[in-house]
Amino acid sequence: MARTSKPRRNKNQSSATNSQDEPALLPEADLTLEEESDRFNLERKVERSFFIAGSALMELRDRRLYRSTHATFEEYCRERFNFTRQAANYLIAGASVFEILTTNGCQKLPTSERQVRPITSLCEAEQVDCWQQAVREAGNRVPSSRIVKEVVQRIKNPTPAPMPFQVGEVCFLIAKEHPELRGQGGCWCIVSSLQEFSCTVYTWDNQYRLPPEHLKSLEYSQHQCKQMEIISIRMSLLYETGQLDEAALWILNGLARIKRPTLTSLEEKLLTTLEIEYETQAKTQLLTENKFFS
C-alpha cells in the first residue's frame, strides 16, 4: 500500500507563491584567495561558537569564578545568562565532544550543541565512530541531531527489535522532543516504507523518517487503512494546489487529528466542498482508481 507522491513542502511554507521572494542564485564566480581565507575563518567561528561557550562555562564552573556574586553555579547561570543548569551542562558536555572530534581529525564538525547531545552518553572512541557514521549518512554533510541519535541507538543496540509496523499501517505521531514533529503530536500518518531502525511515514502535508517510539498504531483493519489512504490522497491533493486559504487549512488540520477510519457526514461535506472549490475531484478519482482498482 506504499504510494509514490511528489516531494512535500514543509508545513511552514506559504501555500501561495510570493512574487517578491528573493530568487535562488547560482554560483557566479570563484572566490579570490583572500575571500577563500575569510570564508574558511568565518566558517570555523560558526562551528566553534557553542564550543567556545561550553569551554568558558566549564572554566567558570571549575574555577568557581562566580563565587564573588553567587552561591551556586546554577544560580549564576540563571541570573547571568538566563541558562538553566541543564542547559549549561549540555553546552559543557557538547564542548568536550567537539574537542574530542577535533583532536581525532574529524573534517566535518558540529555547528550546534544539539547535534552532539546524543553522543555524550558514549565513550570517547564510540563518540568519534558515531559522528563519522552520522556524517556519512548525511551525505558527507553535518548531520542533524535525529541522524546522530539513530546512529547512537544502533551502537547501543546492534540487534534491533523487529519493526512493529507494516507498510500501509495507520499510526498517530508522538512528538516527544522530536524537533520535526513540533505541533504534530496526535496527527495520523501512514507508513510508506520500512528501514532497519526506522520507518518513513507520510501525512497529508509532509513526510518523516521516524524511529518506532514516535509512532503508535491505530490498529485499523486493512480495509480501514485503505479508507484512510484515500482520505490522505484527497487532503494531499488539496494541499499541493498551493492555494489554500486559512479556512481550508483549518479544516484539513482538524481532519488530520481524527482517530477513526471514516469521516462523519459533516466532515465529508466539508472535504467535498474544498475539492469542488479547488477543483481536485477529477485528479482524486483518477489517482484512487489507478491505485486501488487497476
Protein backbone atom coordinates (compact mmCIF):
# COMPACT_ATOMS: atom_id res chain seq x y z
CA MET A 1 0.00 0.00 0.00
CA ALA A 2 3.00 2.31 -0.26
CA ARG A 3 2.42 5.20 -2.60
CA THR A 4 4.57 7.38 -4.74
CA SER A 5 3.98 11.10 -4.45
CA LYS A 6 5.56 14.42 -5.18
CA PRO A 7 8.13 15.75 -2.71
CA ARG A 8 6.22 17.51 0.04
CA ARG A 9 6.68 21.08 1.01
CA ASN A 10 7.45 21.94 4.58
CA LYS A 11 4.31 22.71 6.58
CA ASN A 12 5.58 26.19 7.38
CA GLN A 13 5.95 27.06 3.71
CA SER A 14 3.37 29.52 2.45
CA SER A 15 0.68 27.94 0.29
CA ALA A 16 0.75 30.91 -2.02
CA THR A 17 3.76 31.95 -4.08
CA ASN A 18 5.28 35.24 -3.07
CA SER A 19 6.43 37.05 -6.19
CA GLN A 20 8.76 39.19 -4.08
CA ASP A 21 10.74 36.23 -2.69
CA GLU A 22 14.45 36.55 -3.31
CA PRO A 23 15.35 34.33 -6.29
CA ALA A 24 17.74 31.42 -5.81
CA LEU A 25 21.19 32.36 -7.05
CA LEU A 26 23.57 30.03 -8.83
CA PRO A 27 27.31 30.20 -8.12
CA GLU A 28 28.68 33.12 -10.07
CA ALA A 29 32.45 33.12 -9.84
CA ASP A 30 35.40 31.71 -7.95
CA LEU A 31 36.47 33.45 -4.77
CA THR A 32 39.77 35.23 -4.53
CA LEU A 33 42.42 33.72 -2.26
CA GLU A 34 41.64 36.38 0.34
CA GLU A 35 37.91 35.64 0.16
CA GLU A 36 38.57 31.89 0.45
CA SER A 37 40.62 32.55 3.58
CA ASP A 38 37.91 34.80 5.05
CA ARG A 39 35.24 32.20 4.33
CA PHE A 40 37.27 29.43 5.99
CA ASN A 41 37.92 31.52 9.11
CA LEU A 42 34.28 32.60 9.42
CA GLU A 43 33.02 29.04 8.97
CA ARG A 44 35.36 27.89 11.76
CA LYS A 45 33.93 30.61 14.01
CA VAL A 46 30.40 29.34 13.37
CA GLU A 47 31.49 25.76 14.07
CA ARG A 48 33.24 26.72 17.28
CA SER A 49 30.57 29.05 18.70
CA PHE A 50 28.94 26.53 21.05
CA PHE A 51 32.37 25.00 21.81
CA ILE A 52 33.67 28.40 22.97
CA ALA A 53 30.57 28.94 25.12
CA GLY A 54 30.78 25.46 26.65
CA SER A 55 34.51 25.75 27.33
CA ALA A 56 34.00 29.14 29.01
CA LEU A 57 31.21 27.77 31.19
CA MET A 58 33.39 24.80 32.13
CA GLU A 59 36.18 27.10 33.31
CA LEU A 60 33.76 29.36 35.16
CA ARG A 61 32.38 26.31 36.94
CA ASP A 62 35.65 24.53 37.68
CA ARG A 63 37.43 27.66 38.97
CA ARG A 64 34.30 28.87 40.78
CA LEU A 65 34.71 32.32 39.25
CA TYR A 66 31.08 33.04 40.14
CA ARG A 67 31.70 32.85 43.91
CA SER A 68 32.02 36.61 44.50
CA THR A 69 28.40 37.23 43.47
CA HIS A 70 26.57 33.89 43.60
CA ALA A 71 26.45 30.97 45.98
CA THR A 72 25.97 28.30 43.29
CA PHE A 73 26.87 27.79 39.65
CA GLU A 74 23.20 27.09 38.90
CA GLU A 75 22.11 30.45 40.36
CA TYR A 76 24.92 32.22 38.48
CA CYS A 77 23.97 30.69 35.10
CA ARG A 78 20.31 31.54 35.59
CA GLU A 79 20.86 35.18 36.55
CA ARG A 80 23.85 36.00 34.35
CA PHE A 81 22.99 34.12 31.14
CA ASN A 82 19.35 33.06 31.64
CA PHE A 83 20.53 29.43 31.37
CA THR A 84 19.17 26.55 33.38
CA ARG A 85 21.78 24.34 34.99
CA GLN A 86 20.85 21.62 32.48
CA ALA A 87 21.38 23.95 29.51
CA ALA A 88 24.81 24.88 30.86
CA ASN A 89 25.67 21.21 31.35
CA TYR A 90 24.61 20.45 27.76
CA LEU A 91 26.97 23.15 26.46
CA ILE A 92 29.83 21.92 28.63
CA ALA A 93 29.35 18.31 27.54
CA GLY A 94 28.99 19.40 23.90
CA ALA A 95 32.27 21.33 24.12
CA SER A 96 34.00 18.18 25.37
CA VAL A 97 32.68 16.15 22.42
CA PHE A 98 33.69 18.90 19.98
CA GLU A 99 37.24 18.85 21.33
CA ILE A 100 37.40 15.06 21.00
CA LEU A 101 36.20 15.21 17.38
CA THR A 102 38.72 17.94 16.58
CA THR A 103 41.57 16.05 18.24
CA ASN A 104 40.73 12.93 16.24
CA GLY A 105 40.87 14.77 12.92
CA CYS A 106 37.17 14.84 12.01
CA GLN A 107 36.76 17.09 8.97
CA LYS A 108 33.03 17.82 9.31
CA LEU A 109 32.41 19.34 12.72
CA PRO A 110 29.15 20.02 14.58
CA THR A 111 27.70 23.52 14.47
CA SER A 112 25.33 23.24 17.44
CA GLU A 113 25.30 21.54 20.81
CA ARG A 114 22.07 19.69 20.00
CA GLN A 115 23.77 17.78 17.18
CA VAL A 116 26.20 16.11 19.60
CA ARG A 117 23.93 15.80 22.63
CA PRO A 118 23.08 12.13 21.94
CA ILE A 119 26.82 11.29 21.69
CA THR A 120 27.66 12.36 25.24
CA SER A 121 26.47 9.01 26.63
CA LEU A 122 29.14 7.14 24.62
CA CYS A 123 32.80 6.56 25.40
CA GLU A 124 35.41 8.63 23.55
CA ALA A 125 36.16 6.05 20.82
CA GLU A 126 32.45 5.48 20.22
CA GLN A 127 31.83 9.23 20.02
CA VAL A 128 34.25 9.58 17.10
CA ASP A 129 32.91 6.49 15.32
CA CYS A 130 29.30 7.61 15.84
CA TRP A 131 29.94 11.09 14.46
CA GLN A 132 31.77 9.77 11.40
CA GLN A 133 28.94 7.32 10.67
CA ALA A 134 26.38 10.12 11.03
CA VAL A 135 28.35 12.35 8.63
CA ARG A 136 28.37 9.56 6.02
CA GLU A 137 24.62 9.00 6.41
CA ALA A 138 24.05 12.75 5.96
CA GLY A 139 25.82 12.64 2.58
CA ASN A 140 29.16 13.89 3.93
CA ARG A 141 27.46 16.89 5.49
CA VAL A 142 26.97 17.97 9.07
CA PRO A 143 24.25 15.59 10.32
CA SER A 144 21.09 16.55 12.13
CA SER A 145 20.56 15.54 15.74
CA ARG A 146 18.00 12.99 14.53
CA ILE A 147 20.55 11.16 12.38
CA VAL A 148 23.10 11.23 15.21
CA LYS A 149 20.53 9.84 17.63
CA GLU A 150 19.70 6.97 15.28
CA VAL A 151 23.39 6.06 14.98
CA VAL A 152 23.78 6.18 18.77
CA GLN A 153 20.83 3.79 19.12
CA ARG A 154 22.43 1.37 16.67
CA ILE A 155 25.72 1.46 18.57
CA LYS A 156 23.98 0.82 21.88
CA ASN A 157 21.64 -1.81 20.46
CA PRO A 158 23.27 -3.52 17.46
CA THR A 159 20.48 -6.11 17.33
CA PRO A 160 17.26 -4.09 16.91
CA ALA A 161 13.85 -5.33 17.89
CA PRO A 162 11.62 -6.31 14.96
CA MET A 163 9.91 -3.32 13.37
CA PRO A 164 6.41 -3.30 14.89
CA PHE A 165 4.71 -1.64 11.90
CA GLN A 166 3.80 -2.61 8.34
CA VAL A 167 3.69 -0.65 5.10
CA GLY A 168 0.24 0.90 4.77
CA GLU A 169 -0.46 0.87 8.51
CA VAL A 170 -2.11 3.95 10.01
CA CYS A 171 -0.47 5.36 13.12
CA PHE A 172 -0.57 8.58 15.05
CA LEU A 173 2.50 10.70 15.72
CA ILE A 174 4.08 11.00 19.17
CA ALA A 175 6.05 14.25 19.18
CA LYS A 176 8.08 13.84 22.43
CA GLU A 177 11.15 16.02 21.86
CA HIS A 178 11.38 15.36 18.11
CA PRO A 179 12.04 18.81 16.59
CA GLU A 180 10.43 17.97 13.23
CA LEU A 181 7.20 16.87 14.93
CA ARG A 182 6.59 20.06 16.88
CA GLY A 183 2.83 20.69 16.80
CA GLN A 184 2.17 17.38 15.04
CA GLY A 185 1.57 15.17 18.08
CA GLY A 186 -1.68 13.24 17.73
CA CYS A 187 -1.92 13.61 13.95
CA TRP A 188 -2.39 10.42 11.96
CA CYS A 189 0.02 9.21 9.31
CA ILE A 190 0.54 6.22 7.03
CA VAL A 191 3.66 4.04 6.91
CA SER A 192 5.16 4.07 3.40
CA SER A 193 8.46 2.18 3.83
CA LEU A 194 10.48 0.37 6.47
CA GLN A 195 14.17 0.70 7.34
CA GLU A 196 16.22 -1.28 9.83
CA PHE A 197 15.81 1.13 12.72
CA SER A 198 13.10 3.48 11.45
CA CYS A 199 10.24 3.84 9.03
CA THR A 200 9.12 6.52 6.61
CA VAL A 201 5.60 7.85 7.08
CA TYR A 202 3.57 10.49 5.31
CA THR A 203 0.87 12.82 6.49
CA TRP A 204 -1.40 14.92 4.29
CA ASP A 205 1.22 17.67 4.09
CA ASN A 206 4.62 16.18 4.90
CA GLN A 207 6.86 13.14 5.12
CA TYR A 208 9.01 11.96 8.04
CA ARG A 209 11.55 9.26 8.79
CA LEU A 210 10.96 8.19 12.39
CA PRO A 211 12.09 5.58 14.92
CA PRO A 212 9.25 3.39 16.30
CA GLU A 213 8.95 5.29 19.59
CA HIS A 214 7.43 8.26 17.74
CA LEU A 215 4.54 6.19 16.36
CA LYS A 216 1.56 4.33 17.78
CA SER A 217 -0.62 2.09 15.63
CA LEU A 218 -4.33 2.86 15.42
CA GLU A 219 -4.85 -0.88 14.79
CA TYR A 220 -7.12 -0.48 11.79
CA SER A 221 -8.01 -3.36 9.51
CA GLN A 222 -6.53 -3.50 6.00
CA HIS A 223 -9.79 -2.16 4.55
CA GLN A 224 -9.84 0.70 7.06
CA CYS A 225 -6.21 1.54 6.23
CA LYS A 226 -7.19 1.82 2.55
CA GLN A 227 -10.04 4.16 3.51
CA MET A 228 -7.59 6.37 5.39
CA GLU A 229 -5.18 6.33 2.45
CA ILE A 230 -7.93 7.63 0.17
CA ILE A 231 -8.67 10.40 2.66
CA SER A 232 -4.96 11.21 2.77
CA ILE A 233 -4.77 11.39 -1.04
CA ARG A 234 -7.75 13.76 -1.11
CA MET A 235 -6.22 16.02 1.51
CA SER A 236 -2.75 15.96 -0.08
CA LEU A 237 -4.08 16.94 -3.50
CA LEU A 238 -5.76 19.95 -1.92
CA TYR A 239 -2.54 20.92 -0.14
CA GLU A 240 -0.49 20.55 -3.32
CA THR A 241 -2.59 23.16 -5.12
CA GLY A 242 -0.65 25.73 -3.10
CA GLN A 243 -3.75 27.93 -2.97
CA LEU A 244 -5.38 27.05 0.36
CA ASP A 245 -6.68 29.89 2.49
CA GLU A 246 -6.77 29.87 6.30
CA ALA A 247 -10.26 28.36 6.49
CA ALA A 248 -9.28 25.46 4.23
CA LEU A 249 -6.11 24.80 6.25
CA TRP A 250 -8.15 24.91 9.46
CA ILE A 251 -10.46 22.17 8.14
CA LEU A 252 -7.59 19.97 6.95
CA ASN A 253 -5.71 20.37 10.22
CA GLY A 254 -8.83 19.23 12.03
CA LEU A 255 -9.22 16.17 9.80
CA ALA A 256 -5.55 15.33 10.43
CA ARG A 257 -6.39 14.55 14.07
CA ILE A 258 -9.37 12.23 13.71
CA LYS A 259 -8.97 8.85 15.42
CA ARG A 260 -11.40 6.79 13.33
CA PRO A 261 -11.18 5.34 9.81
CA THR A 262 -14.22 7.15 8.41
CA LEU A 263 -15.43 10.71 8.12
CA THR A 264 -18.68 11.91 9.63
CA SER A 265 -21.29 13.21 7.18
CA LEU A 266 -20.37 16.80 8.07
CA GLU A 267 -16.63 16.13 7.64
CA GLU A 268 -17.31 14.55 4.26
CA LYS A 269 -19.35 17.59 3.18
CA LEU A 270 -16.56 19.96 4.25
CA LEU A 271 -13.87 17.97 2.43
CA THR A 272 -16.02 17.67 -0.71
CA THR A 273 -16.70 21.41 -0.63
CA LEU A 274 -12.97 22.09 -0.60
CA GLU A 275 -12.43 19.68 -3.51
CA ILE A 276 -15.08 21.48 -5.55
CA GLU A 277 -13.64 24.88 -4.63
CA TYR A 278 -10.08 23.92 -5.58
CA GLU A 279 -11.06 21.59 -8.45
CA THR A 280 -9.26 18.45 -7.28
CA GLN A 281 -12.10 15.92 -7.60
CA ALA A 282 -11.12 14.62 -11.03
CA LYS A 283 -7.50 14.10 -10.08
CA THR A 284 -8.53 12.36 -6.85
CA GLN A 285 -10.76 9.97 -8.75
CA LEU A 286 -8.02 9.20 -11.27
CA LEU A 287 -5.39 8.53 -8.61
CA THR A 288 -7.60 6.35 -6.43
CA GLU A 289 -8.88 4.32 -9.40
CA ASN A 290 -5.34 3.70 -10.63
CA LYS A 291 -4.14 2.75 -7.18
CA PHE A 292 -6.92 0.56 -5.86
CA PHE A 293 -8.89 -0.64 -8.88
CA SER A 294 -6.37 -1.13 -11.69
